[in-house]
Amino acid sequence: MGVLERHHLTIIQEVAREGSLTAAGMRLHLTQPALSHAIRKIENQLDVKIWRREGRSLVLTQAGEWLLSLANRLLPQFELAEKRLEQFSNGERGTLRIGMECHPCYQWLLKVVSPYLERWPRVDVDVRQKFQFGGIGALFSNEIDILVTPDPLYKPGLKFTPVFDYELVLAVGPDHPLRNTKFIAPEQLADETLITYPVPSERLDIFTQFLQPAGIAPRQQKQIETTDIMLVMVANGRGVAALPRWLVKEYTTRFKLYPVRLGKKGIAKQIFLGHRETDEEIHYLRNFIEFAASPHSKS
């Protein structure tokens, strides 16, 4: 049995991704004969069949499927390690990849990102929202470097820092009967159309912290992805929405919106920034978190 090497995993991944030797060879800068030879050499070195032919196609064997799964896990780790070493050698140059698990947080994030980029001219920022396995999975698989979330999931190897306090309120339109109510009880939403982001109910605070404990469900739930459209709907009496008070306040200059407290005590929330503990010494990442937690990022 030979030694498994990184380039073996790269070839397995590319052949599986491209579906043909010609396309994979182009990606690997190899001719088709050279790639065919490399494939035979890998199987001889490892003493196991990785591919089998089905017509003109190469199909992975059970061992090949396992190696492909390994490649998909390990190769991003190699790439990250090389990028990190390059950043250390080049004096903090790189891209800070930020994942969003908080739909309404973009306006807040813009206030942080713009002055941060001025402070770190050699660092770029990339914002991502959709993750195949959720935000925590994206952190563990190195798809992102920082996760913006109101609901931290504490796991070994991750650290979460609270950076912003806010109150979740009910946004209603100018003609809504709850407009001048000091606070509302869960049963007052039983006949309402609740507009939410396209997120499962078990991850929405309006359900988990307000409606479900009281055994109440809204008459109807509509899911809308865009904050602007959601608030246009609310302002025009098509429903109500649970959103951060600061966000509703910002949008009152564009739409006629009114925030109403949820329950007598209200619902207090925080925005957290999560990152891998192994990245703690990356200066520009740590500085982003410190900058996000500073008072001027909330003005």
C-alpha atoms as a PDB file:
ATOM      1  CA  MET A   1       0.000   0.000   0.000  1.00  0.00           C
ATOM      2  CA  GLY A   2       1.466   3.349  -1.104  1.00  0.00           C
ATOM      3  CA  VAL A   3       1.275   6.731   0.575  1.00  0.00           C
ATOM      4  CA  LEU A   4      -1.809   8.879  -0.068  1.00  0.00           C
ATOM      5  CA  GLU A   5      -0.716  12.303  -1.306  1.00  0.00           C
ATOM      6  CA  ARG A   6      -2.457  15.613  -1.782  1.00  0.00           C
ATOM      7  CA  HIS A   7      -2.227  15.553  -5.586  1.00  0.00           C
ATOM      8  CA  HIS A   8      -4.032  12.188  -5.579  1.00  0.00           C
ATOM      9  CA  LEU A   9      -7.002  13.847  -3.888  1.00  0.00           C
ATOM     10  CA  THR A  10      -6.853  16.790  -6.286  1.00  0.00           C
ATOM     11  CA  ILE A  11      -7.039  14.497  -9.324  1.00  0.00           C
ATOM     12  CA  ILE A  12      -9.908  12.465  -7.829  1.00  0.00           C
ATOM     13  CA  GLN A  13     -11.838  15.648  -7.051  1.00  0.00           C
ATOM     14  CA  GLU A  14     -11.312  17.221 -10.477  1.00  0.00           C
ATOM     15  CA  VAL A  15     -12.208  14.083 -12.452  1.00  0.00           C
ATOM     16  CA  ALA A  16     -15.386  13.690 -10.378  1.00  0.00           C
ATOM     17  CA  ARG A  17     -16.233  17.396 -10.709  1.00  0.00           C
ATOM     18  CA  GLU A  18     -15.676  17.671 -14.458  1.00  0.00           C
ATOM     19  CA  GLY A  19     -17.034  14.256 -15.432  1.00  0.00           C
ATOM     20  CA  SER A  20     -14.501  13.743 -18.229  1.00  0.00           C
ATOM     21  CA  LEU A  21     -10.739  13.281 -18.528  1.00  0.00           C
ATOM     22  CA  THR A  22     -10.468  16.006 -21.153  1.00  0.00           C
ATOM     23  CA  ALA A  23     -12.153  18.685 -19.007  1.00  0.00           C
ATOM     24  CA  ALA A  24     -10.354  17.556 -15.839  1.00  0.00           C
ATOM     25  CA  GLY A  25      -7.041  17.550 -17.682  1.00  0.00           C
ATOM     26  CA  MET A  26      -7.590  21.152 -18.780  1.00  0.00           C
ATOM     27  CA  ARG A  27      -8.269  22.176 -15.178  1.00  0.00           C
ATOM     28  CA  LEU A  28      -5.151  20.316 -14.014  1.00  0.00           C
ATOM     29  CA  HIS A  29      -3.010  21.522 -16.942  1.00  0.00           C
ATOM     30  CA  LEU A  30      -2.463  17.923 -18.087  1.00  0.00           C
ATOM     31  CA  THR A  31      -3.063  16.262 -21.430  1.00  0.00           C
ATOM     32  CA  GLN A  32      -5.590  13.430 -21.508  1.00  0.00           C
ATOM     33  CA  PRO A  33      -2.874  10.747 -21.917  1.00  0.00           C
ATOM     34  CA  ALA A  34      -0.897  12.275 -19.044  1.00  0.00           C
ATOM     35  CA  LEU A  35      -4.006  12.291 -16.826  1.00  0.00           C
ATOM     36  CA  SER A  36      -4.835   8.675 -17.773  1.00  0.00           C
ATOM     37  CA  HIS A  37      -1.300   7.705 -16.822  1.00  0.00           C
ATOM     38  CA  ALA A  38      -1.598   9.606 -13.519  1.00  0.00           C
ATOM     39  CA  ILE A  39      -4.856   7.781 -12.728  1.00  0.00           C
ATOM     40  CA  ARG A  40      -3.280   4.365 -13.353  1.00  0.00           C
ATOM     41  CA  LYS A  41      -0.275   5.384 -11.248  1.00  0.00           C
ATOM     42  CA  ILE A  42      -2.528   6.431  -8.320  1.00  0.00           C
ATOM     43  CA  GLU A  43      -4.360   3.086  -8.385  1.00  0.00           C
ATOM     44  CA  ASN A  44      -1.050   1.200  -8.548  1.00  0.00           C
ATOM     45  CA  GLN A  45       0.443   3.259  -5.718  1.00  0.00           C
ATOM     46  CA  LEU A  46      -2.577   2.819  -3.467  1.00  0.00           C
ATOM     47  CA  ASP A  47      -3.209  -0.757  -4.608  1.00  0.00           C
ATOM     48  CA  VAL A  48      -6.962  -0.182  -4.903  1.00  0.00           C
ATOM     49  CA  LYS A  49      -9.390   0.406  -7.782  1.00  0.00           C
ATOM     50  CA  ILE A  50     -10.670   3.971  -7.620  1.00  0.00           C
ATOM     51  CA  TRP A  51     -12.512   4.147 -10.936  1.00  0.00           C
ATOM     52  CA  ARG A  52     -14.358   1.734 -13.191  1.00  0.00           C
ATOM     53  CA  ARG A  53     -15.386   2.326 -16.786  1.00  0.00           C
ATOM     54  CA  GLU A  54     -19.048   2.520 -17.783  1.00  0.00           C
ATOM     55  CA  GLY A  55     -19.065   3.077 -21.529  1.00  0.00           C
ATOM     56  CA  ARG A  56     -16.984   6.175 -22.146  1.00  0.00           C
ATOM     57  CA  SER A  57     -17.382   7.430 -18.586  1.00  0.00           C
ATOM     58  CA  LEU A  58     -15.243   6.911 -15.495  1.00  0.00           C
ATOM     59  CA  VAL A  59     -17.301   6.068 -12.402  1.00  0.00           C
ATOM     60  CA  LEU A  60     -15.925   6.039  -8.856  1.00  0.00           C
ATOM     61  CA  THR A  61     -15.794   2.744  -6.992  1.00  0.00           C
ATOM     62  CA  GLN A  62     -16.745   2.539  -3.316  1.00  0.00           C
ATOM     63  CA  ALA A  63     -13.116   3.296  -2.412  1.00  0.00           C
ATOM     64  CA  GLY A  64     -13.147   6.180  -4.881  1.00  0.00           C
ATOM     65  CA  GLU A  65     -16.308   7.655  -3.357  1.00  0.00           C
ATOM     66  CA  TRP A  66     -14.701   7.527   0.069  1.00  0.00           C
ATOM     67  CA  LEU A  67     -11.553   9.246  -1.232  1.00  0.00           C
ATOM     68  CA  LEU A  68     -13.681  11.909  -2.942  1.00  0.00           C
ATOM     69  CA  SER A  69     -15.425  12.615   0.356  1.00  0.00           C
ATOM     70  CA  LEU A  70     -12.012  12.878   2.014  1.00  0.00           C
ATOM     71  CA  ALA A  71     -10.789  15.214  -0.740  1.00  0.00           C
ATOM     72  CA  ASN A  72     -13.807  17.499  -0.316  1.00  0.00           C
ATOM     73  CA  ARG A  73     -13.031  17.797   3.395  1.00  0.00           C
ATOM     74  CA  LEU A  74      -9.233  18.042   3.310  1.00  0.00           C
ATOM     75  CA  LEU A  75      -8.440  20.118   0.220  1.00  0.00           C
ATOM     76  CA  PRO A  76     -10.200  23.281   1.508  1.00  0.00           C
ATOM     77  CA  GLN A  77      -8.142  22.895   4.692  1.00  0.00           C
ATOM     78  CA  PHE A  78      -4.916  22.783   2.657  1.00  0.00           C
ATOM     79  CA  GLU A  79      -6.016  25.860   0.683  1.00  0.00           C
ATOM     80  CA  LEU A  80      -6.873  27.737   3.855  1.00  0.00           C
ATOM     81  CA  ALA A  81      -3.537  26.814   5.445  1.00  0.00           C
ATOM     82  CA  GLU A  82      -1.644  28.112   2.398  1.00  0.00           C
ATOM     83  CA  LYS A  83      -3.656  31.349   2.349  1.00  0.00           C
ATOM     84  CA  ARG A  84      -3.083  31.896   6.046  1.00  0.00           C
ATOM     85  CA  LEU A  85       0.687  31.320   5.678  1.00  0.00           C
ATOM     86  CA  GLU A  86       0.747  33.719   2.744  1.00  0.00           C
ATOM     87  CA  GLN A  87      -1.104  36.327   4.808  1.00  0.00           C
ATOM     88  CA  PHE A  88       1.383  35.947   7.654  1.00  0.00           C
ATOM     89  CA  SER A  89       4.317  36.330   5.267  1.00  0.00           C
ATOM     90  CA  ASN A  90       2.778  39.262   3.371  1.00  0.00           C
ATOM     91  CA  GLY A  91       1.819  41.273   6.427  1.00  0.00           C
ATOM     92  CA  GLU A  92      -1.907  40.682   6.829  1.00  0.00           C
ATOM     93  CA  ARG A  93      -3.172  40.604   3.267  1.00  0.00           C
ATOM     94  CA  GLY A  94      -6.278  38.576   2.478  1.00  0.00           C
ATOM     95  CA  THR A  95     -10.051  38.310   2.267  1.00  0.00           C
ATOM     96  CA  LEU A  96     -12.330  38.305   5.299  1.00  0.00           C
ATOM     97  CA  ARG A  97     -15.279  36.056   4.425  1.00  0.00           C
ATOM     98  CA  ILE A  98     -18.357  36.991   6.450  1.00  0.00           C
ATOM     99  CA  GLY A  99     -21.388  34.703   6.632  1.00  0.00           C
ATOM    100  CA  MET A 100     -24.834  36.084   7.489  1.00  0.00           C
ATOM    101  CA  GLU A 101     -27.391  34.185   9.541  1.00  0.00           C
ATOM    102  CA  CYS A 102     -29.185  37.441  10.310  1.00  0.00           C
ATOM    103  CA  HIS A 103     -31.302  38.650   7.380  1.00  0.00           C
ATOM    104  CA  PRO A 104     -31.926  42.198   8.641  1.00  0.00           C
ATOM    105  CA  CYS A 105     -28.272  42.796   9.656  1.00  0.00           C
ATOM    106  CA  TYR A 106     -26.988  44.067   6.306  1.00  0.00           C
ATOM    107  CA  GLN A 107     -27.633  47.725   7.137  1.00  0.00           C
ATOM    108  CA  TRP A 108     -25.725  47.331  10.409  1.00  0.00           C
ATOM    109  CA  LEU A 109     -22.915  45.450   8.654  1.00  0.00           C
ATOM    110  CA  LEU A 110     -22.488  48.240   6.084  1.00  0.00           C
ATOM    111  CA  LYS A 111     -21.762  50.688   8.906  1.00  0.00           C
ATOM    112  CA  VAL A 112     -18.965  48.409  10.086  1.00  0.00           C
ATOM    113  CA  VAL A 113     -17.521  47.309   6.739  1.00  0.00           C
ATOM    114  CA  SER A 114     -17.064  50.716   5.119  1.00  0.00           C
ATOM    115  CA  PRO A 115     -14.775  52.290   7.778  1.00  0.00           C
ATOM    116  CA  TYR A 116     -13.103  48.917   8.375  1.00  0.00           C
ATOM    117  CA  LEU A 117     -11.988  48.734   4.707  1.00  0.00           C
ATOM    118  CA  GLU A 118     -10.512  52.218   5.029  1.00  0.00           C
ATOM    119  CA  ARG A 119      -8.507  51.019   8.030  1.00  0.00           C
ATOM    120  CA  TRP A 120      -7.336  47.805   6.299  1.00  0.00           C
ATOM    121  CA  PRO A 121      -6.565  48.725   2.660  1.00  0.00           C
ATOM    122  CA  ARG A 122      -4.984  45.320   1.940  1.00  0.00           C
ATOM    123  CA  VAL A 123      -7.945  43.287   3.176  1.00  0.00           C
ATOM    124  CA  ASP A 124     -11.076  42.578   1.128  1.00  0.00           C
ATOM    125  CA  VAL A 125     -14.494  41.607   2.503  1.00  0.00           C
ATOM    126  CA  ASP A 126     -16.771  38.987   0.991  1.00  0.00           C
ATOM    127  CA  VAL A 127     -20.309  38.545   2.402  1.00  0.00           C
ATOM    128  CA  ARG A 128     -22.100  35.226   1.994  1.00  0.00           C
ATOM    129  CA  GLN A 129     -25.560  34.209   3.066  1.00  0.00           C
ATOM    130  CA  LYS A 130     -26.550  30.790   1.769  1.00  0.00           C
ATOM    131  CA  PHE A 131     -24.822  27.773   3.301  1.00  0.00           C
ATOM    132  CA  GLN A 132     -25.378  24.127   2.404  1.00  0.00           C
ATOM    133  CA  PHE A 133     -25.034  23.034   6.043  1.00  0.00           C
ATOM    134  CA  GLY A 134     -25.856  26.255   7.892  1.00  0.00           C
ATOM    135  CA  GLY A 135     -23.579  28.921   9.300  1.00  0.00           C
ATOM    136  CA  ILE A 136     -21.884  26.770  11.951  1.00  0.00           C
ATOM    137  CA  GLY A 137     -21.062  24.161   9.305  1.00  0.00           C
ATOM    138  CA  ALA A 138     -19.658  26.906   7.079  1.00  0.00           C
ATOM    139  CA  LEU A 139     -17.336  28.001   9.905  1.00  0.00           C
ATOM    140  CA  PHE A 140     -16.122  24.446  10.543  1.00  0.00           C
ATOM    141  CA  SER A 141     -15.607  23.749   6.822  1.00  0.00           C
ATOM    142  CA  ASN A 142     -13.677  27.031   6.356  1.00  0.00           C
ATOM    143  CA  GLU A 143     -16.177  28.465   3.863  1.00  0.00           C
ATOM    144  CA  ILE A 144     -16.355  31.613   6.006  1.00  0.00           C
ATOM    145  CA  ASP A 145     -14.174  33.278   8.638  1.00  0.00           C
ATOM    146  CA  ILE A 146     -16.824  35.168  10.634  1.00  0.00           C
ATOM    147  CA  LEU A 147     -20.477  34.306  11.224  1.00  0.00           C
ATOM    148  CA  VAL A 148     -22.995  37.063  11.987  1.00  0.00           C
ATOM    149  CA  THR A 149     -25.809  35.481  13.991  1.00  0.00           C
ATOM    150  CA  PRO A 150     -28.364  36.352  16.688  1.00  0.00           C
ATOM    151  CA  ASP A 151     -28.362  32.728  17.844  1.00  0.00           C
ATOM    152  CA  PRO A 152     -24.854  31.438  18.654  1.00  0.00           C
ATOM    153  CA  LEU A 153     -24.376  27.698  18.847  1.00  0.00           C
ATOM    154  CA  TYR A 154     -21.449  27.118  21.176  1.00  0.00           C
ATOM    155  CA  LYS A 155     -19.231  24.302  19.920  1.00  0.00           C
ATOM    156  CA  PRO A 156     -15.654  23.329  20.809  1.00  0.00           C
ATOM    157  CA  GLY A 157     -13.250  25.285  18.597  1.00  0.00           C
ATOM    158  CA  LEU A 158     -15.624  28.239  18.055  1.00  0.00           C
ATOM    159  CA  LYS A 159     -15.842  31.555  19.881  1.00  0.00           C
ATOM    160  CA  PHE A 160     -18.779  34.001  19.820  1.00  0.00           C
ATOM    161  CA  THR A 161     -18.503  37.680  20.727  1.00  0.00           C
ATOM    162  CA  PRO A 162     -21.618  39.827  21.378  1.00  0.00           C
ATOM    163  CA  VAL A 163     -21.271  43.071  19.431  1.00  0.00           C
ATOM    164  CA  PHE A 164     -24.714  44.686  19.314  1.00  0.00           C
ATOM    165  CA  ASP A 165     -27.797  44.712  21.582  1.00  0.00           C
ATOM    166  CA  TYR A 166     -31.252  45.252  20.104  1.00  0.00           C
ATOM    167  CA  GLU A 167     -34.941  44.751  20.819  1.00  0.00           C
ATOM    168  CA  LEU A 168     -37.176  42.622  18.606  1.00  0.00           C
ATOM    169  CA  VAL A 169     -40.443  44.486  17.957  1.00  0.00           C
ATOM    170  CA  LEU A 170     -43.552  44.110  15.831  1.00  0.00           C
ATOM    171  CA  ALA A 171     -43.601  46.431  12.805  1.00  0.00           C
ATOM    172  CA  VAL A 172     -47.111  47.551  11.810  1.00  0.00           C
ATOM    173  CA  GLY A 173     -48.491  49.977   9.234  1.00  0.00           C
ATOM    174  CA  PRO A 174     -50.162  53.386   9.808  1.00  0.00           C
ATOM    175  CA  ASP A 175     -53.724  52.003   9.665  1.00  0.00           C
ATOM    176  CA  HIS A 176     -53.139  48.977  11.861  1.00  0.00           C
ATOM    177  CA  PRO A 177     -55.246  48.841  15.068  1.00  0.00           C
ATOM    178  CA  LEU A 178     -52.132  47.894  17.110  1.00  0.00           C
ATOM    179  CA  ARG A 179     -50.252  51.001  15.988  1.00  0.00           C
ATOM    180  CA  ASN A 180     -50.617  52.931  19.263  1.00  0.00           C
ATOM    181  CA  THR A 181     -50.529  49.897  21.569  1.00  0.00           C
ATOM    182  CA  LYS A 182     -47.880  50.094  24.301  1.00  0.00           C
ATOM    183  CA  PHE A 183     -47.203  46.359  24.038  1.00  0.00           C
ATOM    184  CA  ILE A 184     -49.030  43.326  22.684  1.00  0.00           C
ATOM    185  CA  ALA A 185     -49.836  39.842  23.969  1.00  0.00           C
ATOM    186  CA  PRO A 186     -49.342  36.701  21.811  1.00  0.00           C
ATOM    187  CA  GLU A 187     -53.094  36.165  21.328  1.00  0.00           C
ATOM    188  CA  GLN A 188     -53.329  39.535  19.559  1.00  0.00           C
ATOM    189  CA  LEU A 189     -51.431  37.991  16.627  1.00  0.00           C
ATOM    190  CA  ALA A 190     -53.830  35.050  16.243  1.00  0.00           C
ATOM    191  CA  ASP A 191     -55.776  36.830  13.473  1.00  0.00           C
ATOM    192  CA  GLU A 192     -52.760  38.451  11.810  1.00  0.00           C
ATOM    193  CA  THR A 193     -50.755  37.711   8.677  1.00  0.00           C
ATOM    194  CA  LEU A 194     -47.175  37.417   9.897  1.00  0.00           C
ATOM    195  CA  ILE A 195     -44.530  38.249   7.295  1.00  0.00           C
ATOM    196  CA  THR A 196     -41.172  36.586   7.940  1.00  0.00           C
ATOM    197  CA  TYR A 197     -37.909  35.841   6.202  1.00  0.00           C
ATOM    198  CA  PRO A 198     -37.702  32.377   4.574  1.00  0.00           C
ATOM    199  CA  VAL A 199     -36.320  30.751   7.727  1.00  0.00           C
ATOM    200  CA  PRO A 200     -37.765  27.703   9.568  1.00  0.00           C
ATOM    201  CA  SER A 201     -40.154  28.681  12.385  1.00  0.00           C
ATOM    202  CA  GLU A 202     -37.919  27.011  14.972  1.00  0.00           C
ATOM    203  CA  ARG A 203     -35.259  29.630  14.189  1.00  0.00           C
ATOM    204  CA  LEU A 204     -37.554  32.667  14.371  1.00  0.00           C
ATOM    205  CA  ASP A 205     -37.756  34.383  17.779  1.00  0.00           C
ATOM    206  CA  ILE A 206     -41.291  35.612  17.162  1.00  0.00           C
ATOM    207  CA  PHE A 207     -42.323  31.943  17.239  1.00  0.00           C
ATOM    208  CA  THR A 208     -39.899  30.440  19.778  1.00  0.00           C
ATOM    209  CA  GLN A 209     -39.930  33.277  22.326  1.00  0.00           C
ATOM    210  CA  PHE A 210     -43.396  34.742  21.889  1.00  0.00           C
ATOM    211  CA  LEU A 211     -46.069  32.740  20.072  1.00  0.00           C
ATOM    212  CA  GLN A 212     -45.239  29.089  20.740  1.00  0.00           C
ATOM    213  CA  PRO A 213     -44.846  29.367  24.558  1.00  0.00           C
ATOM    214  CA  ALA A 214     -48.413  30.758  24.589  1.00  0.00           C
ATOM    215  CA  GLY A 215     -49.713  28.080  22.197  1.00  0.00           C
ATOM    216  CA  ILE A 216     -50.609  30.712  19.592  1.00  0.00           C
ATOM    217  CA  ALA A 217     -50.121  30.635  15.820  1.00  0.00           C
ATOM    218  CA  PRO A 218     -50.757  33.503  13.374  1.00  0.00           C
ATOM    219  CA  ARG A 219     -53.689  33.203  10.997  1.00  0.00           C
ATOM    220  CA  GLN A 220     -51.255  33.144   8.076  1.00  0.00           C
ATOM    221  CA  GLN A 221     -47.485  33.285   7.532  1.00  0.00           C
ATOM    222  CA  LYS A 222     -45.941  34.793   4.397  1.00  0.00           C
ATOM    223  CA  GLN A 223     -42.242  34.405   3.661  1.00  0.00           C
ATOM    224  CA  ILE A 224     -40.422  37.243   1.905  1.00  0.00           C
ATOM    225  CA  GLU A 225     -36.651  37.341   1.400  1.00  0.00           C
ATOM    226  CA  THR A 226     -36.148  41.065   0.847  1.00  0.00           C
ATOM    227  CA  THR A 227     -36.422  43.495   3.767  1.00  0.00           C
ATOM    228  CA  ASP A 228     -37.590  46.375   1.549  1.00  0.00           C
ATOM    229  CA  ILE A 229     -40.464  44.352   0.058  1.00  0.00           C
ATOM    230  CA  MET A 230     -41.391  43.009   3.483  1.00  0.00           C
ATOM    231  CA  LEU A 231     -41.702  46.529   4.915  1.00  0.00           C
ATOM    232  CA  VAL A 232     -43.588  47.841   1.868  1.00  0.00           C
ATOM    233  CA  MET A 233     -46.125  45.072   2.520  1.00  0.00           C
ATOM    234  CA  VAL A 234     -46.341  46.002   6.217  1.00  0.00           C
ATOM    235  CA  ALA A 235     -46.720  49.727   5.472  1.00  0.00           C
ATOM    236  CA  ASN A 236     -49.570  48.941   3.074  1.00  0.00           C
ATOM    237  CA  GLY A 237     -51.479  46.809   5.547  1.00  0.00           C
ATOM    238  CA  ARG A 238     -50.703  43.388   4.070  1.00  0.00           C
ATOM    239  CA  GLY A 239     -49.384  42.006   7.351  1.00  0.00           C
ATOM    240  CA  VAL A 240     -47.065  42.580  10.312  1.00  0.00           C
ATOM    241  CA  ALA A 241     -43.399  41.619  10.816  1.00  0.00           C
ATOM    242  CA  ALA A 242     -41.082  41.020  13.774  1.00  0.00           C
ATOM    243  CA  LEU A 243     -37.841  42.966  13.246  1.00  0.00           C
ATOM    244  CA  PRO A 244     -35.135  44.783  15.229  1.00  0.00           C
ATOM    245  CA  ARG A 245     -36.327  48.143  16.563  1.00  0.00           C
ATOM    246  CA  TRP A 246     -33.300  49.912  15.075  1.00  0.00           C
ATOM    247  CA  LEU A 247     -34.164  48.580  11.617  1.00  0.00           C
ATOM    248  CA  VAL A 248     -37.800  49.680  11.821  1.00  0.00           C
ATOM    249  CA  LYS A 249     -36.629  53.098  13.006  1.00  0.00           C
ATOM    250  CA  GLU A 250     -34.244  53.437  10.048  1.00  0.00           C
ATOM    251  CA  TYR A 251     -36.965  52.568   7.555  1.00  0.00           C
ATOM    252  CA  THR A 252     -39.505  55.053   8.968  1.00  0.00           C
ATOM    253  CA  THR A 253     -37.903  57.734   6.772  1.00  0.00           C
ATOM    254  CA  ARG A 254     -39.029  55.729   3.698  1.00  0.00           C
ATOM    255  CA  PHE A 255     -42.166  53.903   4.862  1.00  0.00           C
ATOM    256  CA  LYS A 256     -44.898  54.613   7.400  1.00  0.00           C
ATOM    257  CA  LEU A 257     -43.975  52.055  10.043  1.00  0.00           C
ATOM    258  CA  TYR A 258     -44.626  51.807  13.754  1.00  0.00           C
ATOM    259  CA  PRO A 259     -42.767  49.559  16.235  1.00  0.00           C
ATOM    260  CA  VAL A 260     -44.778  47.826  18.956  1.00  0.00           C
ATOM    261  CA  ARG A 261     -43.208  46.039  21.944  1.00  0.00           C
ATOM    262  CA  LEU A 262     -43.670  42.248  22.070  1.00  0.00           C
ATOM    263  CA  GLY A 263     -44.908  41.477  25.571  1.00  0.00           C
ATOM    264  CA  LYS A 264     -44.688  43.721  28.618  1.00  0.00           C
ATOM    265  CA  LYS A 265     -40.929  43.221  29.022  1.00  0.00           C
ATOM    266  CA  GLY A 266     -40.104  43.047  25.316  1.00  0.00           C
ATOM    267  CA  ILE A 267     -37.715  40.634  23.619  1.00  0.00           C
ATOM    268  CA  ALA A 268     -34.039  41.550  24.063  1.00  0.00           C
ATOM    269  CA  LYS A 269     -31.559  40.134  21.537  1.00  0.00           C
ATOM    270  CA  GLN A 270     -27.887  40.420  20.626  1.00  0.00           C
ATOM    271  CA  ILE A 271     -25.900  40.107  17.432  1.00  0.00           C
ATOM    272  CA  PHE A 272     -22.873  37.826  17.819  1.00  0.00           C
ATOM    273  CA  LEU A 273     -19.805  37.377  15.651  1.00  0.00           C
ATOM    274  CA  GLY A 274     -18.526  33.802  15.633  1.00  0.00           C
ATOM    275  CA  HIS A 275     -15.074  32.684  14.519  1.00  0.00           C
ATOM    276  CA  ARG A 276     -12.688  29.740  14.833  1.00  0.00           C
ATOM    277  CA  GLU A 277     -10.445  29.868  17.899  1.00  0.00           C
ATOM    278  CA  THR A 278      -7.491  28.909  15.697  1.00  0.00           C
ATOM    279  CA  ASP A 279      -7.923  32.255  13.870  1.00  0.00           C
ATOM    280  CA  GLU A 280      -7.659  34.272  17.077  1.00  0.00           C
ATOM    281  CA  GLU A 281      -4.212  35.657  16.195  1.00  0.00           C
ATOM    282  CA  ILE A 282      -5.156  36.954  12.739  1.00  0.00           C
ATOM    283  CA  HIS A 283      -4.937  40.688  13.356  1.00  0.00           C
ATOM    284  CA  TYR A 284      -7.402  41.906  10.738  1.00  0.00           C
ATOM    285  CA  LEU A 285     -10.034  39.355  11.825  1.00  0.00           C
ATOM    286  CA  ARG A 286      -9.667  40.236  15.504  1.00  0.00           C
ATOM    287  CA  ASN A 287      -9.749  43.941  14.659  1.00  0.00           C
ATOM    288  CA  PHE A 288     -12.994  43.520  12.704  1.00  0.00           C
ATOM    289  CA  ILE A 289     -14.670  42.000  15.779  1.00  0.00           C
ATOM    290  CA  GLU A 290     -13.285  44.752  18.037  1.00  0.00           C
ATOM    291  CA  PHE A 291     -14.414  47.398  15.568  1.00  0.00           C
ATOM    292  CA  ALA A 292     -17.910  45.856  15.277  1.00  0.00           C
ATOM    293  CA  ALA A 293     -18.255  45.871  19.079  1.00  0.00           C
ATOM    294  CA  SER A 294     -17.181  49.524  19.440  1.00  0.00           C
ATOM    295  CA  PRO A 295     -19.820  52.261  20.040  1.00  0.00           C
ATOM    296  CA  HIS A 296     -19.310  54.066  16.713  1.00  0.00           C
ATOM    297  CA  SER A 297     -20.431  50.961  14.773  1.00  0.00           C
ATOM    298  CA  LYS A 298     -23.921  51.361  16.271  1.00  0.00           C
ATOM    299  CA  SER A 299     -24.510  55.008  15.469  1.00  0.00           C
END
